[in-house]
Amino acid sequence: MAGSRVRVSRRGGFWAGACAAALTLWSVPGAPRADPQALELAVKATYLYRLAAFVTWPGEDTGAPPSPVTLCVQGADPFGDILDRLIAGRRPGGRPIVVKRVARLEPRSGCQIAYVAGGPGQSPAQALEAVNTAPVVTVTDEARGGAHGIVHLIEDGPRVRFSIDAAQASESGVTLSSKLMALAVTVKR
């Protein structure tokens, strides 16, 4: 990304934690310093795990103890160990997060949130089609091509923002919090 800083939209304070958590990465021994691309990836990785607190999947019992959320990275993983380090010990919405890397995204992959990167085994469009009606919150990235998931990360100058396809979320059987939708740059209904 061009520029020397990545900022997160401060609307509602919801994503302010994304920047704070991403900056925490730099306190980890051996973490990269002053690398705008690494900071951008850390902010995006933080968005991914924070989504878990604002999604309800079919069949969830709100009275039961929170079950782990499986966050998958499909295809070419741009995050490396950044994602793993950021989620260590964090429980968004009281839910533990498990990270899984998959070459192909399928309805039976066990993914609840999936960052769709694409790779030799499956393009982003093929991955999105594979889980089109499955209860998977798909996340795509403007920087990685034109395919759009339920959540689409957008670079807005030095900021990372997102749009939401609420119609696709509904077709997939997942419910997104109104708080999350209020923070989106656009919401497709």
N, C-alpha and C. Protein backbone atom coordinates (compact mmCIF):
# COMPACT_ATOMS: atom_id res chain seq x y z
N MET A 1 0.84 -1.17 0.00
CA MET A 1 0.00 0.00 0.00
C MET A 1 0.88 1.23 0.00
N ALA A 2 0.51 2.23 -0.79
CA ALA A 2 1.26 3.46 -0.83
C ALA A 2 1.01 4.23 0.46
N GLY A 3 1.98 5.04 0.85
CA GLY A 3 1.80 5.82 2.06
C GLY A 3 2.56 5.21 3.21
N SER A 4 2.70 6.01 4.24
CA SER A 4 3.51 5.54 5.35
C SER A 4 2.69 5.10 6.55
N ARG A 5 1.37 5.33 6.51
CA ARG A 5 0.57 4.97 7.67
C ARG A 5 -0.72 4.30 7.23
N VAL A 6 -1.22 3.44 8.06
CA VAL A 6 -2.54 2.86 7.87
C VAL A 6 -3.37 3.30 9.05
N ARG A 7 -4.53 3.88 8.76
CA ARG A 7 -5.42 4.30 9.83
C ARG A 7 -6.71 3.52 9.71
N VAL A 8 -7.37 3.39 10.81
CA VAL A 8 -8.65 2.69 10.87
C VAL A 8 -9.72 3.74 11.13
N SER A 9 -10.85 3.60 10.47
CA SER A 9 -11.96 4.50 10.70
C SER A 9 -12.32 4.49 12.18
N ARG A 10 -12.54 5.64 12.75
CA ARG A 10 -12.86 5.75 14.18
C ARG A 10 -14.36 5.79 14.42
N ARG A 11 -15.18 5.64 13.39
CA ARG A 11 -16.62 5.72 13.56
C ARG A 11 -17.07 4.74 14.63
N GLY A 12 -17.70 5.29 15.65
CA GLY A 12 -18.28 4.46 16.70
C GLY A 12 -17.26 3.78 17.61
N GLY A 13 -16.00 3.95 17.36
CA GLY A 13 -14.98 3.35 18.20
C GLY A 13 -14.84 1.85 18.05
N PHE A 14 -15.71 1.21 17.27
CA PHE A 14 -15.71 -0.24 17.15
C PHE A 14 -14.39 -0.78 16.63
N TRP A 15 -13.89 -0.19 15.57
CA TRP A 15 -12.65 -0.70 14.96
C TRP A 15 -11.40 -0.02 15.50
N ALA A 16 -11.56 0.89 16.44
CA ALA A 16 -10.39 1.51 17.04
C ALA A 16 -9.47 0.46 17.64
N GLY A 17 -10.08 -0.60 18.14
CA GLY A 17 -9.30 -1.71 18.70
C GLY A 17 -8.46 -2.41 17.65
N ALA A 18 -8.86 -2.35 16.39
CA ALA A 18 -8.09 -2.99 15.32
C ALA A 18 -6.70 -2.38 15.25
N CYS A 19 -6.65 -1.08 15.27
CA CYS A 19 -5.36 -0.42 15.20
C CYS A 19 -4.55 -0.71 16.46
N ALA A 20 -5.20 -0.64 17.61
CA ALA A 20 -4.48 -0.90 18.87
C ALA A 20 -3.94 -2.32 18.91
N ALA A 21 -4.74 -3.29 18.49
CA ALA A 21 -4.28 -4.67 18.48
C ALA A 21 -3.17 -4.87 17.46
N ALA A 22 -3.30 -4.22 16.31
CA ALA A 22 -2.26 -4.35 15.29
C ALA A 22 -0.95 -3.74 15.79
N LEU A 23 -1.05 -2.63 16.48
CA LEU A 23 0.16 -2.00 17.00
C LEU A 23 0.79 -2.84 18.11
N THR A 24 -0.02 -3.63 18.79
CA THR A 24 0.49 -4.53 19.80
C THR A 24 1.48 -5.52 19.18
N LEU A 25 1.25 -5.83 17.92
CA LEU A 25 2.13 -6.74 17.20
C LEU A 25 3.58 -6.28 17.28
N TRP A 26 3.77 -4.98 17.26
CA TRP A 26 5.12 -4.46 17.26
C TRP A 26 5.81 -4.60 18.61
N SER A 27 5.08 -4.98 19.63
CA SER A 27 5.71 -5.23 20.92
C SER A 27 6.15 -6.68 21.05
N VAL A 28 5.82 -7.50 20.06
CA VAL A 28 6.20 -8.91 20.06
C VAL A 28 7.65 -9.01 19.58
N PRO A 29 8.52 -9.72 20.33
CA PRO A 29 9.90 -9.85 19.90
C PRO A 29 9.98 -10.43 18.49
N GLY A 30 10.84 -9.82 17.67
CA GLY A 30 11.04 -10.31 16.31
C GLY A 30 10.02 -9.80 15.32
N ALA A 31 9.07 -8.99 15.77
CA ALA A 31 8.06 -8.46 14.85
C ALA A 31 8.67 -7.37 13.99
N PRO A 32 8.17 -7.19 12.77
CA PRO A 32 8.70 -6.15 11.89
C PRO A 32 8.44 -4.76 12.47
N ARG A 33 9.30 -3.85 12.14
CA ARG A 33 9.17 -2.47 12.63
C ARG A 33 8.97 -1.52 11.45
N ALA A 34 8.08 -0.57 11.64
CA ALA A 34 7.88 0.52 10.69
C ALA A 34 7.70 0.05 9.25
N ASP A 35 7.02 -1.06 9.05
CA ASP A 35 6.76 -1.59 7.72
C ASP A 35 5.29 -1.35 7.41
N PRO A 36 4.98 -0.39 6.53
CA PRO A 36 3.57 -0.07 6.25
C PRO A 36 2.77 -1.27 5.75
N GLN A 37 3.38 -2.12 4.94
CA GLN A 37 2.66 -3.29 4.43
C GLN A 37 2.34 -4.26 5.57
N ALA A 38 3.28 -4.47 6.48
CA ALA A 38 3.04 -5.36 7.61
C ALA A 38 1.96 -4.78 8.52
N LEU A 39 1.96 -3.46 8.70
CA LEU A 39 0.93 -2.83 9.52
C LEU A 39 -0.44 -2.99 8.87
N GLU A 40 -0.50 -2.80 7.55
CA GLU A 40 -1.77 -2.99 6.83
C GLU A 40 -2.28 -4.42 7.01
N LEU A 41 -1.41 -5.40 6.88
CA LEU A 41 -1.82 -6.80 7.07
C LEU A 41 -2.27 -7.04 8.50
N ALA A 42 -1.61 -6.41 9.46
CA ALA A 42 -2.01 -6.57 10.86
C ALA A 42 -3.39 -5.98 11.11
N VAL A 43 -3.68 -4.84 10.50
CA VAL A 43 -5.00 -4.23 10.65
C VAL A 43 -6.06 -5.14 10.02
N LYS A 44 -5.79 -5.66 8.83
CA LYS A 44 -6.74 -6.55 8.16
C LYS A 44 -6.93 -7.84 8.97
N ALA A 45 -5.86 -8.38 9.51
CA ALA A 45 -5.96 -9.59 10.33
C ALA A 45 -6.80 -9.32 11.57
N THR A 46 -6.66 -8.14 12.14
CA THR A 46 -7.45 -7.78 13.31
C THR A 46 -8.93 -7.67 12.95
N TYR A 47 -9.23 -7.11 11.79
CA TYR A 47 -10.61 -7.08 11.32
C TYR A 47 -11.18 -8.49 11.28
N LEU A 48 -10.40 -9.42 10.76
CA LEU A 48 -10.88 -10.80 10.61
C LEU A 48 -11.32 -11.40 11.95
N TYR A 49 -10.46 -11.35 12.93
CA TYR A 49 -10.82 -12.02 14.18
C TYR A 49 -11.89 -11.25 14.95
N ARG A 50 -11.95 -9.92 14.78
CA ARG A 50 -12.98 -9.15 15.50
C ARG A 50 -14.38 -9.38 14.94
N LEU A 51 -14.47 -9.85 13.71
CA LEU A 51 -15.78 -10.15 13.12
C LEU A 51 -16.57 -11.16 13.95
N ALA A 52 -15.87 -12.08 14.57
CA ALA A 52 -16.52 -13.17 15.32
C ALA A 52 -17.49 -12.65 16.38
N ALA A 53 -17.21 -11.50 16.94
CA ALA A 53 -18.06 -10.96 18.00
C ALA A 53 -19.37 -10.37 17.47
N PHE A 54 -19.47 -10.22 16.15
CA PHE A 54 -20.62 -9.53 15.58
C PHE A 54 -21.38 -10.37 14.56
N VAL A 55 -21.22 -11.68 14.67
CA VAL A 55 -21.90 -12.60 13.77
C VAL A 55 -22.59 -13.67 14.61
N THR A 56 -23.80 -14.04 14.18
CA THR A 56 -24.50 -15.17 14.78
C THR A 56 -24.70 -16.19 13.67
N TRP A 57 -24.28 -17.41 13.94
CA TRP A 57 -24.41 -18.50 12.97
C TRP A 57 -25.65 -19.32 13.29
N PRO A 58 -26.22 -20.00 12.29
CA PRO A 58 -27.42 -20.81 12.51
C PRO A 58 -27.18 -21.86 13.60
N GLY A 59 -28.19 -22.05 14.43
CA GLY A 59 -28.13 -23.09 15.45
C GLY A 59 -27.36 -22.72 16.70
N GLU A 60 -26.87 -21.50 16.79
CA GLU A 60 -26.14 -21.12 18.00
C GLU A 60 -27.11 -20.92 19.15
N ASP A 61 -26.76 -21.46 20.28
CA ASP A 61 -27.56 -21.32 21.50
C ASP A 61 -26.91 -20.21 22.32
N THR A 62 -27.60 -19.10 22.45
CA THR A 62 -27.03 -17.97 23.18
C THR A 62 -26.83 -18.26 24.66
N GLY A 63 -27.47 -19.29 25.20
CA GLY A 63 -27.30 -19.63 26.60
C GLY A 63 -26.14 -20.58 26.86
N ALA A 64 -25.63 -21.20 25.81
CA ALA A 64 -24.53 -22.16 25.95
C ALA A 64 -23.19 -21.42 26.03
N PRO A 65 -22.17 -22.07 26.59
CA PRO A 65 -20.85 -21.46 26.59
C PRO A 65 -20.41 -21.21 25.15
N PRO A 66 -19.69 -20.12 24.92
CA PRO A 66 -19.28 -19.80 23.55
C PRO A 66 -18.35 -20.86 22.97
N SER A 67 -18.70 -21.33 21.79
CA SER A 67 -17.86 -22.32 21.12
C SER A 67 -16.80 -21.60 20.28
N PRO A 68 -15.69 -22.27 19.98
CA PRO A 68 -14.66 -21.63 19.17
C PRO A 68 -15.18 -21.30 17.78
N VAL A 69 -14.64 -20.24 17.21
CA VAL A 69 -14.93 -19.85 15.84
C VAL A 69 -13.73 -20.25 15.00
N THR A 70 -13.98 -20.92 13.88
CA THR A 70 -12.90 -21.31 12.98
C THR A 70 -12.76 -20.26 11.89
N LEU A 71 -11.61 -19.61 11.89
CA LEU A 71 -11.27 -18.59 10.91
C LEU A 71 -10.30 -19.22 9.93
N CYS A 72 -10.71 -19.31 8.67
CA CYS A 72 -9.87 -19.94 7.66
C CYS A 72 -9.24 -18.89 6.74
N VAL A 73 -8.05 -19.19 6.29
CA VAL A 73 -7.40 -18.41 5.24
C VAL A 73 -7.30 -19.36 4.05
N GLN A 74 -8.02 -19.02 2.98
CA GLN A 74 -8.06 -19.88 1.79
C GLN A 74 -7.02 -19.40 0.79
N GLY A 75 -6.25 -20.34 0.26
CA GLY A 75 -5.31 -20.02 -0.81
C GLY A 75 -4.02 -19.43 -0.29
N ALA A 76 -3.49 -18.48 -1.05
CA ALA A 76 -2.20 -17.85 -0.75
C ALA A 76 -2.34 -16.95 0.48
N ASP A 77 -1.76 -17.37 1.58
CA ASP A 77 -1.89 -16.67 2.86
C ASP A 77 -1.00 -15.42 2.89
N PRO A 78 -1.61 -14.22 2.86
CA PRO A 78 -0.78 -13.01 2.90
C PRO A 78 -0.31 -12.67 4.31
N PHE A 79 -0.90 -13.29 5.33
CA PHE A 79 -0.65 -12.90 6.71
C PHE A 79 0.56 -13.56 7.36
N GLY A 80 0.91 -14.76 6.91
CA GLY A 80 1.98 -15.49 7.59
C GLY A 80 1.61 -15.68 9.05
N ASP A 81 2.56 -15.43 9.95
CA ASP A 81 2.27 -15.64 11.37
C ASP A 81 1.66 -14.41 12.04
N ILE A 82 1.45 -13.32 11.29
CA ILE A 82 0.85 -12.12 11.87
C ILE A 82 -0.52 -12.44 12.48
N LEU A 83 -1.35 -13.16 11.74
CA LEU A 83 -2.69 -13.50 12.21
C LEU A 83 -2.62 -14.34 13.48
N ASP A 84 -1.77 -15.34 13.48
CA ASP A 84 -1.64 -16.21 14.66
C ASP A 84 -1.19 -15.43 15.89
N ARG A 85 -0.23 -14.53 15.71
CA ARG A 85 0.25 -13.75 16.85
C ARG A 85 -0.80 -12.78 17.36
N LEU A 86 -1.59 -12.20 16.45
CA LEU A 86 -2.61 -11.25 16.88
C LEU A 86 -3.74 -11.89 17.66
N ILE A 87 -4.13 -13.10 17.28
CA ILE A 87 -5.27 -13.71 17.97
C ILE A 87 -4.89 -14.45 19.24
N ALA A 88 -3.62 -14.66 19.45
CA ALA A 88 -3.17 -15.41 20.63
C ALA A 88 -3.74 -14.78 21.91
N GLY A 89 -4.55 -15.55 22.62
CA GLY A 89 -5.10 -15.11 23.89
C GLY A 89 -6.32 -14.20 23.78
N ARG A 90 -6.72 -13.86 22.58
CA ARG A 90 -7.88 -12.97 22.42
C ARG A 90 -9.15 -13.80 22.25
N ARG A 91 -10.25 -13.25 22.76
CA ARG A 91 -11.55 -13.93 22.69
C ARG A 91 -12.62 -12.89 22.34
N PRO A 92 -12.73 -12.52 21.06
CA PRO A 92 -13.74 -11.53 20.69
C PRO A 92 -15.14 -12.05 20.99
N GLY A 93 -15.90 -11.25 21.71
CA GLY A 93 -17.24 -11.68 22.09
C GLY A 93 -17.22 -12.88 23.02
N GLY A 94 -16.08 -13.11 23.70
CA GLY A 94 -15.94 -14.24 24.61
C GLY A 94 -15.69 -15.56 23.91
N ARG A 95 -15.41 -15.52 22.60
CA ARG A 95 -15.24 -16.75 21.83
C ARG A 95 -13.79 -16.96 21.44
N PRO A 96 -13.26 -18.14 21.70
CA PRO A 96 -11.91 -18.43 21.22
C PRO A 96 -11.91 -18.54 19.69
N ILE A 97 -10.77 -18.26 19.10
CA ILE A 97 -10.62 -18.32 17.64
C ILE A 97 -9.59 -19.39 17.30
N VAL A 98 -9.92 -20.21 16.31
CA VAL A 98 -9.00 -21.22 15.79
C VAL A 98 -8.70 -20.83 14.34
N VAL A 99 -7.43 -20.75 13.98
CA VAL A 99 -7.04 -20.41 12.61
C VAL A 99 -6.71 -21.69 11.86
N LYS A 100 -7.23 -21.76 10.64
CA LYS A 100 -7.02 -22.93 9.78
C LYS A 100 -6.68 -22.42 8.38
N ARG A 101 -5.66 -22.98 7.77
CA ARG A 101 -5.31 -22.63 6.40
C ARG A 101 -5.79 -23.75 5.48
N VAL A 102 -6.49 -23.35 4.40
CA VAL A 102 -7.02 -24.34 3.46
C VAL A 102 -6.68 -23.93 2.03
N ALA A 103 -6.35 -24.91 1.20
CA ALA A 103 -6.09 -24.64 -0.22
C ALA A 103 -7.41 -24.40 -0.95
N ARG A 104 -8.43 -25.18 -0.55
CA ARG A 104 -9.75 -25.08 -1.18
C ARG A 104 -10.81 -24.84 -0.11
N LEU A 105 -11.71 -23.95 -0.39
CA LEU A 105 -12.81 -23.67 0.52
C LEU A 105 -14.01 -24.48 0.04
N GLU A 106 -14.57 -25.27 0.94
CA GLU A 106 -15.72 -26.12 0.63
C GLU A 106 -16.72 -25.97 1.78
N PRO A 107 -18.00 -26.28 1.53
CA PRO A 107 -18.99 -26.17 2.61
C PRO A 107 -18.63 -26.99 3.85
N ARG A 108 -17.92 -28.08 3.66
CA ARG A 108 -17.56 -28.95 4.79
C ARG A 108 -16.14 -28.67 5.33
N SER A 109 -15.58 -27.52 4.98
CA SER A 109 -14.24 -27.16 5.46
C SER A 109 -14.21 -26.84 6.95
N GLY A 110 -15.38 -26.59 7.53
CA GLY A 110 -15.45 -26.25 8.95
C GLY A 110 -15.18 -24.78 9.23
N CYS A 111 -15.14 -23.95 8.19
CA CYS A 111 -14.85 -22.53 8.33
C CYS A 111 -16.11 -21.76 8.66
N GLN A 112 -16.02 -20.85 9.60
CA GLN A 112 -17.13 -19.95 9.91
C GLN A 112 -16.86 -18.55 9.37
N ILE A 113 -15.60 -18.16 9.40
CA ILE A 113 -15.13 -16.93 8.75
C ILE A 113 -14.02 -17.37 7.81
N ALA A 114 -14.04 -16.90 6.56
CA ALA A 114 -13.01 -17.30 5.60
C ALA A 114 -12.48 -16.10 4.84
N TYR A 115 -11.19 -15.86 4.99
CA TYR A 115 -10.51 -14.86 4.17
C TYR A 115 -10.18 -15.56 2.86
N VAL A 116 -10.76 -15.05 1.77
CA VAL A 116 -10.62 -15.69 0.46
C VAL A 116 -9.51 -14.99 -0.31
N ALA A 117 -8.37 -15.67 -0.43
CA ALA A 117 -7.22 -15.10 -1.11
C ALA A 117 -7.05 -15.67 -2.52
N GLY A 118 -7.53 -16.88 -2.73
CA GLY A 118 -7.32 -17.54 -4.01
C GLY A 118 -5.92 -18.12 -4.09
N GLY A 119 -5.77 -19.09 -4.95
CA GLY A 119 -4.48 -19.73 -5.13
C GLY A 119 -4.56 -20.69 -6.30
N PRO A 120 -3.50 -21.46 -6.53
CA PRO A 120 -3.48 -22.37 -7.67
C PRO A 120 -4.60 -23.41 -7.63
N GLY A 121 -5.03 -23.82 -6.46
CA GLY A 121 -6.06 -24.85 -6.34
C GLY A 121 -7.48 -24.35 -6.47
N GLN A 122 -7.68 -23.03 -6.28
CA GLN A 122 -9.03 -22.49 -6.31
C GLN A 122 -8.96 -20.95 -6.39
N SER A 123 -9.61 -20.40 -7.38
CA SER A 123 -9.65 -18.94 -7.51
C SER A 123 -10.59 -18.36 -6.46
N PRO A 124 -10.49 -17.05 -6.20
CA PRO A 124 -11.44 -16.44 -5.26
C PRO A 124 -12.89 -16.65 -5.70
N ALA A 125 -13.17 -16.49 -6.97
CA ALA A 125 -14.54 -16.68 -7.46
C ALA A 125 -15.02 -18.11 -7.22
N GLN A 126 -14.16 -19.10 -7.45
CA GLN A 126 -14.52 -20.50 -7.22
C GLN A 126 -14.75 -20.76 -5.73
N ALA A 127 -13.92 -20.18 -4.88
CA ALA A 127 -14.07 -20.35 -3.43
C ALA A 127 -15.39 -19.76 -2.96
N LEU A 128 -15.71 -18.56 -3.43
CA LEU A 128 -16.96 -17.92 -3.04
C LEU A 128 -18.16 -18.72 -3.52
N GLU A 129 -18.10 -19.24 -4.73
CA GLU A 129 -19.18 -20.06 -5.27
C GLU A 129 -19.36 -21.34 -4.46
N ALA A 130 -18.25 -21.93 -4.01
CA ALA A 130 -18.31 -23.19 -3.27
C ALA A 130 -19.08 -23.07 -1.96
N VAL A 131 -19.03 -21.89 -1.32
CA VAL A 131 -19.71 -21.71 -0.04
C VAL A 131 -20.83 -20.67 -0.13
N ASN A 132 -21.33 -20.47 -1.33
CA ASN A 132 -22.32 -19.43 -1.61
C ASN A 132 -23.50 -19.43 -0.64
N THR A 133 -24.03 -20.59 -0.30
CA THR A 133 -25.18 -20.64 0.61
C THR A 133 -24.85 -21.29 1.95
N ALA A 134 -23.58 -21.57 2.19
CA ALA A 134 -23.15 -22.15 3.47
C ALA A 134 -23.01 -21.02 4.50
N PRO A 135 -23.15 -21.34 5.78
CA PRO A 135 -23.04 -20.31 6.83
C PRO A 135 -21.58 -19.92 7.10
N VAL A 136 -20.97 -19.31 6.09
CA VAL A 136 -19.57 -18.88 6.16
C VAL A 136 -19.52 -17.40 5.84
N VAL A 137 -18.94 -16.61 6.74
CA VAL A 137 -18.74 -15.19 6.48
C VAL A 137 -17.47 -15.08 5.64
N THR A 138 -17.67 -14.83 4.35
CA THR A 138 -16.52 -14.71 3.44
C THR A 138 -16.00 -13.28 3.47
N VAL A 139 -14.68 -13.17 3.50
CA VAL A 139 -14.02 -11.87 3.52
C VAL A 139 -13.08 -11.80 2.34
N THR A 140 -13.25 -10.78 1.52
CA THR A 140 -12.37 -10.57 0.37
C THR A 140 -11.66 -9.24 0.57
N ASP A 141 -10.66 -9.03 -0.28
CA ASP A 141 -9.79 -7.88 -0.12
C ASP A 141 -9.62 -7.20 -1.47
N GLU A 142 -9.95 -5.94 -1.53
CA GLU A 142 -9.81 -5.15 -2.75
C GLU A 142 -8.40 -5.29 -3.33
N ALA A 143 -7.40 -5.40 -2.48
CA ALA A 143 -6.01 -5.49 -2.93
C ALA A 143 -5.70 -6.82 -3.62
N ARG A 144 -6.60 -7.81 -3.51
CA ARG A 144 -6.33 -9.14 -4.06
C ARG A 144 -7.25 -9.48 -5.23
N GLY A 145 -7.97 -8.52 -5.76
CA GLY A 145 -8.79 -8.82 -6.94
C GLY A 145 -10.22 -8.36 -6.80
N GLY A 146 -11.01 -8.69 -7.82
CA GLY A 146 -12.35 -8.16 -7.92
C GLY A 146 -13.47 -8.93 -7.25
N ALA A 147 -13.24 -10.17 -6.82
CA ALA A 147 -14.30 -10.96 -6.19
C ALA A 147 -14.70 -10.32 -4.87
N HIS A 148 -16.02 -10.34 -4.58
CA HIS A 148 -16.52 -9.73 -3.33
C HIS A 148 -17.22 -10.77 -2.48
N GLY A 149 -16.79 -10.87 -1.22
CA GLY A 149 -17.45 -11.73 -0.26
C GLY A 149 -18.50 -10.96 0.52
N ILE A 150 -18.96 -11.54 1.59
CA ILE A 150 -19.93 -10.86 2.45
C ILE A 150 -19.32 -9.59 3.02
N VAL A 151 -18.07 -9.66 3.43
CA VAL A 151 -17.31 -8.49 3.88
C VAL A 151 -16.19 -8.28 2.87
N HIS A 152 -16.06 -7.06 2.40
CA HIS A 152 -15.04 -6.74 1.40
C HIS A 152 -14.17 -5.61 1.95
N LEU A 153 -12.89 -5.90 2.18
CA LEU A 153 -11.97 -4.90 2.72
C LEU A 153 -11.57 -3.93 1.62
N ILE A 154 -11.58 -2.65 1.95
CA ILE A 154 -11.32 -1.59 0.98
C ILE A 154 -10.22 -0.67 1.53
N GLU A 155 -9.27 -0.34 0.68
CA GLU A 155 -8.26 0.64 1.06
C GLU A 155 -8.78 2.00 0.63
N ASP A 156 -8.91 2.89 1.60
CA ASP A 156 -9.42 4.23 1.37
C ASP A 156 -8.32 5.20 1.78
N GLY A 157 -7.39 5.46 0.84
CA GLY A 157 -6.22 6.26 1.20
C GLY A 157 -5.42 5.47 2.22
N PRO A 158 -5.11 6.09 3.35
CA PRO A 158 -4.34 5.37 4.37
C PRO A 158 -5.20 4.51 5.30
N ARG A 159 -6.50 4.47 5.04
CA ARG A 159 -7.41 3.72 5.92
C ARG A 159 -7.81 2.40 5.31
N VAL A 160 -8.15 1.47 6.17
CA VAL A 160 -8.75 0.20 5.75
C VAL A 160 -10.19 0.24 6.24
N ARG A 161 -11.11 0.09 5.30
CA ARG A 161 -12.54 0.09 5.63
C ARG A 161 -13.16 -1.16 5.03
N PHE A 162 -14.47 -1.26 5.07
CA PHE A 162 -15.11 -2.45 4.52
C PHE A 162 -16.51 -2.14 4.04
N SER A 163 -16.98 -2.96 3.09
CA SER A 163 -18.37 -2.94 2.66
C SER A 163 -18.97 -4.28 3.04
N ILE A 164 -20.29 -4.33 3.11
CA ILE A 164 -20.99 -5.56 3.50
C ILE A 164 -22.07 -5.88 2.48
N ASP A 165 -22.16 -7.15 2.13
CA ASP A 165 -23.25 -7.64 1.29
C ASP A 165 -24.23 -8.36 2.22
N ALA A 166 -25.19 -7.60 2.74
CA ALA A 166 -26.16 -8.14 3.70
C ALA A 166 -27.07 -9.17 3.05
N ALA A 167 -27.34 -9.00 1.76
CA ALA A 167 -28.18 -9.97 1.05
C ALA A 167 -27.49 -11.33 1.01
N GLN A 168 -26.19 -11.34 0.73
CA GLN A 168 -25.44 -12.60 0.71
C GLN A 168 -25.35 -13.21 2.11
N ALA A 169 -25.18 -12.38 3.12
CA ALA A 169 -25.15 -12.88 4.49
C ALA A 169 -26.46 -13.58 4.82
N SER A 170 -27.56 -12.98 4.44
CA SER A 170 -28.88 -13.57 4.68
C SER A 170 -29.03 -14.90 3.94
N GLU A 171 -28.60 -14.93 2.67
CA GLU A 171 -28.67 -16.18 1.90
C GLU A 171 -27.81 -17.28 2.53
N SER A 172 -26.73 -16.88 3.17
CA SER A 172 -25.83 -17.83 3.81
C SER A 172 -26.32 -18.27 5.18
N GLY A 173 -27.34 -17.61 5.70
CA GLY A 173 -27.89 -18.00 6.99
C GLY A 173 -27.19 -17.40 8.19
N VAL A 174 -26.29 -16.43 7.96
CA VAL A 174 -25.62 -15.79 9.09
C VAL A 174 -26.28 -14.44 9.35
N THR A 175 -26.26 -14.03 10.61
CA THR A 175 -26.83 -12.75 10.99
C THR A 175 -25.69 -11.84 11.42
N LEU A 176 -25.61 -10.69 10.77
CA LEU A 176 -24.59 -9.70 11.12
C LEU A 176 -25.20 -8.65 12.03
N SER A 177 -24.45 -8.26 13.03
CA SER A 177 -24.90 -7.25 13.98
C SER A 177 -25.16 -5.92 13.27
N SER A 178 -26.18 -5.23 13.72
CA SER A 178 -26.46 -3.91 13.17
C SER A 178 -25.32 -2.94 13.47
N LYS A 179 -24.60 -3.18 14.55
CA LYS A 179 -23.43 -2.35 14.87
C LYS A 179 -22.36 -2.49 13.80
N LEU A 180 -22.15 -3.71 13.34
CA LEU A 180 -21.17 -3.95 12.29
C LEU A 180 -21.62 -3.28 10.99
N MET A 181 -22.88 -3.44 10.64
CA MET A 181 -23.38 -2.85 9.39
C MET A 181 -23.35 -1.33 9.43
N ALA A 182 -23.54 -0.75 10.61
CA ALA A 182 -23.51 0.71 10.72
C ALA A 182 -22.12 1.27 10.43
N LEU A 183 -21.10 0.46 10.59
CA LEU A 183 -19.73 0.92 10.36
C LEU A 183 -19.23 0.70 8.94
N ALA A 184 -19.99 -0.03 8.15
CA ALA A 184 -19.57 -0.30 6.77
C ALA A 184 -19.66 0.94 5.92
N VAL A 185 -18.77 1.04 4.94
CA VAL A 185 -18.80 2.15 4.00
C VAL A 185 -20.08 2.05 3.17
N THR A 186 -20.41 0.83 2.74
CA THR A 186 -21.66 0.58 2.02
C THR A 186 -22.23 -0.75 2.49
N VAL A 187 -23.55 -0.87 2.41
CA VAL A 187 -24.23 -2.12 2.74
C VAL A 187 -25.15 -2.43 1.57
N LYS A 188 -24.93 -3.58 0.94
CA LYS A 188 -25.81 -4.03 -0.14
C LYS A 188 -26.91 -4.85 0.50
N ARG A 189 -28.16 -4.45 0.28
CA ARG A 189 -29.29 -5.12 0.91
C ARG A 189 -29.99 -6.03 -0.06
